[in-house]
Amino acid sequence: MKKFLIILLLLSVFPFSVVAEIKVIDGDSLEIGKRRIRLNGIDAPEFSQMCKNQNEIEYDCGQKAMEFAANFLQNGHPECQCLPQKDKYGRELCECFVNGKSLNKALVSSGWAVMYRETAYQTAQDEAQEHKRGLWQGKFMRPALYRILNRFTKEKQ
């Protein structure tokens, strides 16, 4: 009993939490430990997707979106609020927050993601587009269309 009380006392003085490893797969997909998460309501460029800036020069917009998400997550451990259903790939559909700020909304506000099938981020997207942030600085293909064309091209080969 004495040993248990000492451990309990130490835990209250030196609190710790088990934090799962976080991997950013692309701009809108994460792995937190064994959990596979799709950021709900947004669509970011695929990892290998290229875009053009205002000078028509190609750049790795998929990697830029991923870097933005990774940098955002360096501010703390994400707390994710997930829908009860999963997507067709078995991923949890979530909005993730770091220190009370939404990663989903931040990606849209920064221009590194667009809204996907809902309008919760309409204002954030309008402002990013107006100020030419991220993808909106030049030309890009919507990520959903990019995936469809990529799949079609691979099937033709």
C-alpha atoms as a PDB file:
ATOM      1  CA  MET A   1       0.000   0.000   0.000  1.00  0.00           C
ATOM      2  CA  LYS A   2       2.855   2.371   0.837  1.00  0.00           C
ATOM      3  CA  LYS A   3       4.446   1.701  -2.585  1.00  0.00           C
ATOM      4  CA  PHE A   4       1.138   2.457  -4.339  1.00  0.00           C
ATOM      5  CA  LEU A   5       0.797   5.807  -2.506  1.00  0.00           C
ATOM      6  CA  ILE A   6       4.347   6.803  -3.476  1.00  0.00           C
ATOM      7  CA  ILE A   7       3.645   6.027  -7.142  1.00  0.00           C
ATOM      8  CA  LEU A   8       0.370   7.943  -6.952  1.00  0.00           C
ATOM      9  CA  LEU A   9       2.164  10.902  -5.365  1.00  0.00           C
ATOM     10  CA  LEU A  10       4.883  10.857  -8.038  1.00  0.00           C
ATOM     11  CA  LEU A  11       2.270  10.766 -10.808  1.00  0.00           C
ATOM     12  CA  SER A  12       0.517  13.809  -9.378  1.00  0.00           C
ATOM     13  CA  VAL A  13       3.800  15.737  -9.083  1.00  0.00           C
ATOM     14  CA  PHE A  14       5.184  14.593 -12.448  1.00  0.00           C
ATOM     15  CA  PRO A  15       2.143  14.078 -14.660  1.00  0.00           C
ATOM     16  CA  PHE A  16       2.649  12.344 -17.958  1.00  0.00           C
ATOM     17  CA  SER A  17       0.526  11.285 -20.835  1.00  0.00           C
ATOM     18  CA  VAL A  18       0.982   8.587 -23.376  1.00  0.00           C
ATOM     19  CA  VAL A  19       1.213  10.386 -26.689  1.00  0.00           C
ATOM     20  CA  ALA A  20       0.871   8.357 -29.861  1.00  0.00           C
ATOM     21  CA  GLU A  21       3.176   8.962 -32.789  1.00  0.00           C
ATOM     22  CA  ILE A  22       1.669  11.330 -35.358  1.00  0.00           C
ATOM     23  CA  LYS A  23       2.351  10.876 -39.067  1.00  0.00           C
ATOM     24  CA  VAL A  24       1.136  13.295 -41.700  1.00  0.00           C
ATOM     25  CA  ILE A  25       0.351  11.188 -44.763  1.00  0.00           C
ATOM     26  CA  ASP A  26      -0.689  14.136 -46.924  1.00  0.00           C
ATOM     27  CA  GLY A  27      -2.446  17.447 -46.373  1.00  0.00           C
ATOM     28  CA  ASP A  28      -5.726  15.883 -45.245  1.00  0.00           C
ATOM     29  CA  SER A  29      -4.715  12.466 -43.877  1.00  0.00           C
ATOM     30  CA  LEU A  30      -3.045  11.594 -40.586  1.00  0.00           C
ATOM     31  CA  GLU A  31      -2.066   8.544 -38.611  1.00  0.00           C
ATOM     32  CA  ILE A  32      -2.143   8.937 -34.852  1.00  0.00           C
ATOM     33  CA  GLY A  33      -0.800   5.726 -33.417  1.00  0.00           C
ATOM     34  CA  LYS A  34      -2.868   3.029 -35.127  1.00  0.00           C
ATOM     35  CA  ARG A  35      -5.711   5.418 -35.969  1.00  0.00           C
ATOM     36  CA  ARG A  36      -6.077   6.427 -39.609  1.00  0.00           C
ATOM     37  CA  ILE A  37      -7.733   9.834 -39.895  1.00  0.00           C
ATOM     38  CA  ARG A  38      -9.159  11.748 -42.849  1.00  0.00           C
ATOM     39  CA  LEU A  39      -9.698  15.435 -42.077  1.00  0.00           C
ATOM     40  CA  ASN A  40     -13.407  15.891 -42.654  1.00  0.00           C
ATOM     41  CA  GLY A  41     -14.864  18.599 -44.899  1.00  0.00           C
ATOM     42  CA  ILE A  42     -11.637  19.479 -46.707  1.00  0.00           C
ATOM     43  CA  ASP A  43      -9.643  18.206 -49.661  1.00  0.00           C
ATOM     44  CA  ALA A  44      -5.902  18.866 -49.943  1.00  0.00           C
ATOM     45  CA  PRO A  45      -3.692  18.134 -52.951  1.00  0.00           C
ATOM     46  CA  GLU A  46      -2.299  14.630 -53.198  1.00  0.00           C
ATOM     47  CA  PHE A  47       1.315  14.188 -52.075  1.00  0.00           C
ATOM     48  CA  SER A  48       2.646  13.985 -55.654  1.00  0.00           C
ATOM     49  CA  GLN A  49       0.342  16.683 -57.073  1.00  0.00           C
ATOM     50  CA  MET A  50       1.914  19.659 -58.833  1.00  0.00           C
ATOM     51  CA  CYS A  51       0.425  23.151 -59.196  1.00  0.00           C
ATOM     52  CA  LYS A  52       1.522  26.391 -60.858  1.00  0.00           C
ATOM     53  CA  ASN A  53       2.302  29.625 -59.060  1.00  0.00           C
ATOM     54  CA  GLN A  54       1.426  33.124 -60.275  1.00  0.00           C
ATOM     55  CA  ASN A  55       4.418  32.995 -62.666  1.00  0.00           C
ATOM     56  CA  GLU A  56       3.239  29.675 -64.207  1.00  0.00           C
ATOM     57  CA  ILE A  57       6.133  27.826 -62.512  1.00  0.00           C
ATOM     58  CA  GLU A  58       5.291  24.340 -61.267  1.00  0.00           C
ATOM     59  CA  TYR A  59       5.751  23.536 -57.596  1.00  0.00           C
ATOM     60  CA  ASP A  60       4.963  20.620 -55.287  1.00  0.00           C
ATOM     61  CA  CYS A  61       1.649  21.823 -53.854  1.00  0.00           C
ATOM     62  CA  GLY A  62       0.884  18.396 -52.374  1.00  0.00           C
ATOM     63  CA  GLN A  63       4.095  18.519 -50.376  1.00  0.00           C
ATOM     64  CA  LYS A  64       3.403  22.139 -49.355  1.00  0.00           C
ATOM     65  CA  ALA A  65       0.003  21.117 -47.966  1.00  0.00           C
ATOM     66  CA  MET A  66       1.604  18.240 -46.076  1.00  0.00           C
ATOM     67  CA  GLU A  67       4.308  20.555 -44.674  1.00  0.00           C
ATOM     68  CA  PHE A  68       1.669  23.034 -43.508  1.00  0.00           C
ATOM     69  CA  ALA A  69      -0.198  20.275 -41.638  1.00  0.00           C
ATOM     70  CA  ALA A  70       3.027  18.941 -40.097  1.00  0.00           C
ATOM     71  CA  ASN A  71       4.071  22.431 -38.937  1.00  0.00           C
ATOM     72  CA  PHE A  72       0.613  23.062 -37.458  1.00  0.00           C
ATOM     73  CA  LEU A  73       0.816  19.805 -35.499  1.00  0.00           C
ATOM     74  CA  GLN A  74       4.163  20.809 -33.977  1.00  0.00           C
ATOM     75  CA  ASN A  75       2.241  23.224 -31.725  1.00  0.00           C
ATOM     76  CA  GLY A  76       0.755  20.373 -29.677  1.00  0.00           C
ATOM     77  CA  HIS A  77      -0.984  17.016 -29.706  1.00  0.00           C
ATOM     78  CA  PRO A  78      -4.193  16.981 -31.778  1.00  0.00           C
ATOM     79  CA  GLU A  79      -7.579  16.332 -30.236  1.00  0.00           C
ATOM     80  CA  CYS A  80      -9.901  14.976 -32.894  1.00  0.00           C
ATOM     81  CA  GLN A  81     -13.684  15.027 -32.961  1.00  0.00           C
ATOM     82  CA  CYS A  82     -14.798  12.240 -35.263  1.00  0.00           C
ATOM     83  CA  LEU A  83     -18.028  11.244 -36.954  1.00  0.00           C
ATOM     84  CA  PRO A  84     -19.436   7.807 -36.111  1.00  0.00           C
ATOM     85  CA  GLN A  85     -19.037   6.570 -39.709  1.00  0.00           C
ATOM     86  CA  LYS A  86     -15.771   5.984 -41.549  1.00  0.00           C
ATOM     87  CA  ASP A  87     -14.848   6.723 -45.141  1.00  0.00           C
ATOM     88  CA  LYS A  88     -14.680   4.049 -47.849  1.00  0.00           C
ATOM     89  CA  TYR A  89     -11.038   3.354 -46.927  1.00  0.00           C
ATOM     90  CA  GLY A  90     -11.878   2.728 -43.253  1.00  0.00           C
ATOM     91  CA  ARG A  91     -10.443   6.033 -42.020  1.00  0.00           C
ATOM     92  CA  GLU A  92     -12.068   8.021 -39.250  1.00  0.00           C
ATOM     93  CA  LEU A  93     -13.628  11.296 -40.469  1.00  0.00           C
ATOM     94  CA  CYS A  94     -12.535  13.977 -38.024  1.00  0.00           C
ATOM     95  CA  GLU A  95     -11.960  17.609 -37.301  1.00  0.00           C
ATOM     96  CA  CYS A  96      -8.693  17.878 -35.398  1.00  0.00           C
ATOM     97  CA  PHE A  97      -7.728  20.687 -33.049  1.00  0.00           C
ATOM     98  CA  VAL A  98      -4.385  21.750 -31.633  1.00  0.00           C
ATOM     99  CA  ASN A  99      -4.615  24.108 -28.672  1.00  0.00           C
ATOM    100  CA  GLY A 100      -8.249  24.780 -29.602  1.00  0.00           C
ATOM    101  CA  LYS A 101      -7.493  25.697 -33.237  1.00  0.00           C
ATOM    102  CA  SER A 102      -8.918  23.603 -36.073  1.00  0.00           C
ATOM    103  CA  LEU A 103      -6.340  22.041 -38.394  1.00  0.00           C
ATOM    104  CA  ASN A 104      -9.082  21.523 -40.989  1.00  0.00           C
ATOM    105  CA  LYS A 105     -10.004  25.213 -41.021  1.00  0.00           C
ATOM    106  CA  ALA A 106      -6.351  26.310 -40.913  1.00  0.00           C
ATOM    107  CA  LEU A 107      -5.581  24.283 -44.046  1.00  0.00           C
ATOM    108  CA  VAL A 108      -8.464  25.956 -45.908  1.00  0.00           C
ATOM    109  CA  SER A 109      -7.614  29.436 -44.528  1.00  0.00           C
ATOM    110  CA  SER A 110      -4.003  29.074 -45.610  1.00  0.00           C
ATOM    111  CA  GLY A 111      -5.105  27.980 -49.068  1.00  0.00           C
ATOM    112  CA  TRP A 112      -3.524  24.509 -48.820  1.00  0.00           C
ATOM    113  CA  ALA A 113      -6.896  22.741 -48.947  1.00  0.00           C
ATOM    114  CA  VAL A 114     -10.331  23.395 -50.429  1.00  0.00           C
ATOM    115  CA  MET A 115     -13.767  22.642 -49.028  1.00  0.00           C
ATOM    116  CA  TYR A 116     -15.040  19.154 -49.710  1.00  0.00           C
ATOM    117  CA  ARG A 117     -18.772  18.413 -49.932  1.00  0.00           C
ATOM    118  CA  GLU A 118     -19.808  20.961 -47.326  1.00  0.00           C
ATOM    119  CA  THR A 119     -19.749  24.671 -46.752  1.00  0.00           C
ATOM    120  CA  ALA A 120     -18.518  24.869 -43.151  1.00  0.00           C
ATOM    121  CA  TYR A 121     -15.307  26.468 -44.387  1.00  0.00           C
ATOM    122  CA  GLN A 122     -16.808  28.760 -47.051  1.00  0.00           C
ATOM    123  CA  THR A 123     -15.610  32.016 -45.441  1.00  0.00           C
ATOM    124  CA  ALA A 124     -12.115  30.634 -44.886  1.00  0.00           C
ATOM    125  CA  GLN A 125     -11.912  29.503 -48.518  1.00  0.00           C
ATOM    126  CA  ASP A 126     -13.260  32.813 -49.861  1.00  0.00           C
ATOM    127  CA  GLU A 127     -10.626  34.738 -47.882  1.00  0.00           C
ATOM    128  CA  ALA A 128      -7.798  32.437 -49.002  1.00  0.00           C
ATOM    129  CA  GLN A 129      -8.898  32.839 -52.615  1.00  0.00           C
ATOM    130  CA  GLU A 130      -9.253  36.619 -52.320  1.00  0.00           C
ATOM    131  CA  HIS A 131      -5.780  36.975 -50.775  1.00  0.00           C
ATOM    132  CA  LYS A 132      -4.230  34.417 -53.160  1.00  0.00           C
ATOM    133  CA  ARG A 133      -2.948  32.159 -50.382  1.00  0.00           C
ATOM    134  CA  GLY A 134      -1.556  28.691 -51.016  1.00  0.00           C
ATOM    135  CA  LEU A 135      -3.180  26.995 -53.999  1.00  0.00           C
ATOM    136  CA  TRP A 136      -5.005  30.201 -54.920  1.00  0.00           C
ATOM    137  CA  GLN A 137      -1.723  31.977 -55.815  1.00  0.00           C
ATOM    138  CA  GLY A 138      -1.830  30.427 -59.267  1.00  0.00           C
ATOM    139  CA  LYS A 139      -3.429  27.468 -61.034  1.00  0.00           C
ATOM    140  CA  PHE A 140      -4.315  24.111 -59.561  1.00  0.00           C
ATOM    141  CA  MET A 141      -6.486  21.139 -60.278  1.00  0.00           C
ATOM    142  CA  ARG A 142      -9.065  20.301 -57.626  1.00  0.00           C
ATOM    143  CA  PRO A 143      -7.693  17.297 -55.699  1.00  0.00           C
ATOM    144  CA  ALA A 144     -10.828  15.199 -56.371  1.00  0.00           C
ATOM    145  CA  LEU A 145     -10.442  15.724 -60.124  1.00  0.00           C
ATOM    146  CA  TYR A 146      -6.702  15.027 -59.904  1.00  0.00           C
ATOM    147  CA  ARG A 147      -7.427  11.653 -58.235  1.00  0.00           C
ATOM    148  CA  ILE A 148     -10.014  10.726 -60.882  1.00  0.00           C
ATOM    149  CA  LEU A 149      -7.693  11.616 -63.771  1.00  0.00           C
ATOM    150  CA  ASN A 150      -4.778   9.798 -62.126  1.00  0.00           C
ATOM    151  CA  ARG A 151      -6.891   6.663 -61.682  1.00  0.00           C
ATOM    152  CA  PHE A 152      -8.132   6.900 -65.293  1.00  0.00           C
ATOM    153  CA  THR A 153      -4.576   7.358 -66.627  1.00  0.00           C
ATOM    154  CA  LYS A 154      -3.315   4.334 -64.662  1.00  0.00           C
ATOM    155  CA  GLU A 155      -6.187   2.192 -65.952  1.00  0.00           C
ATOM    156  CA  LYS A 156      -5.311   3.148 -69.560  1.00  0.00           C
ATOM    157  CA  GLN A 157      -1.704   1.973 -69.164  1.00  0.00           C
END
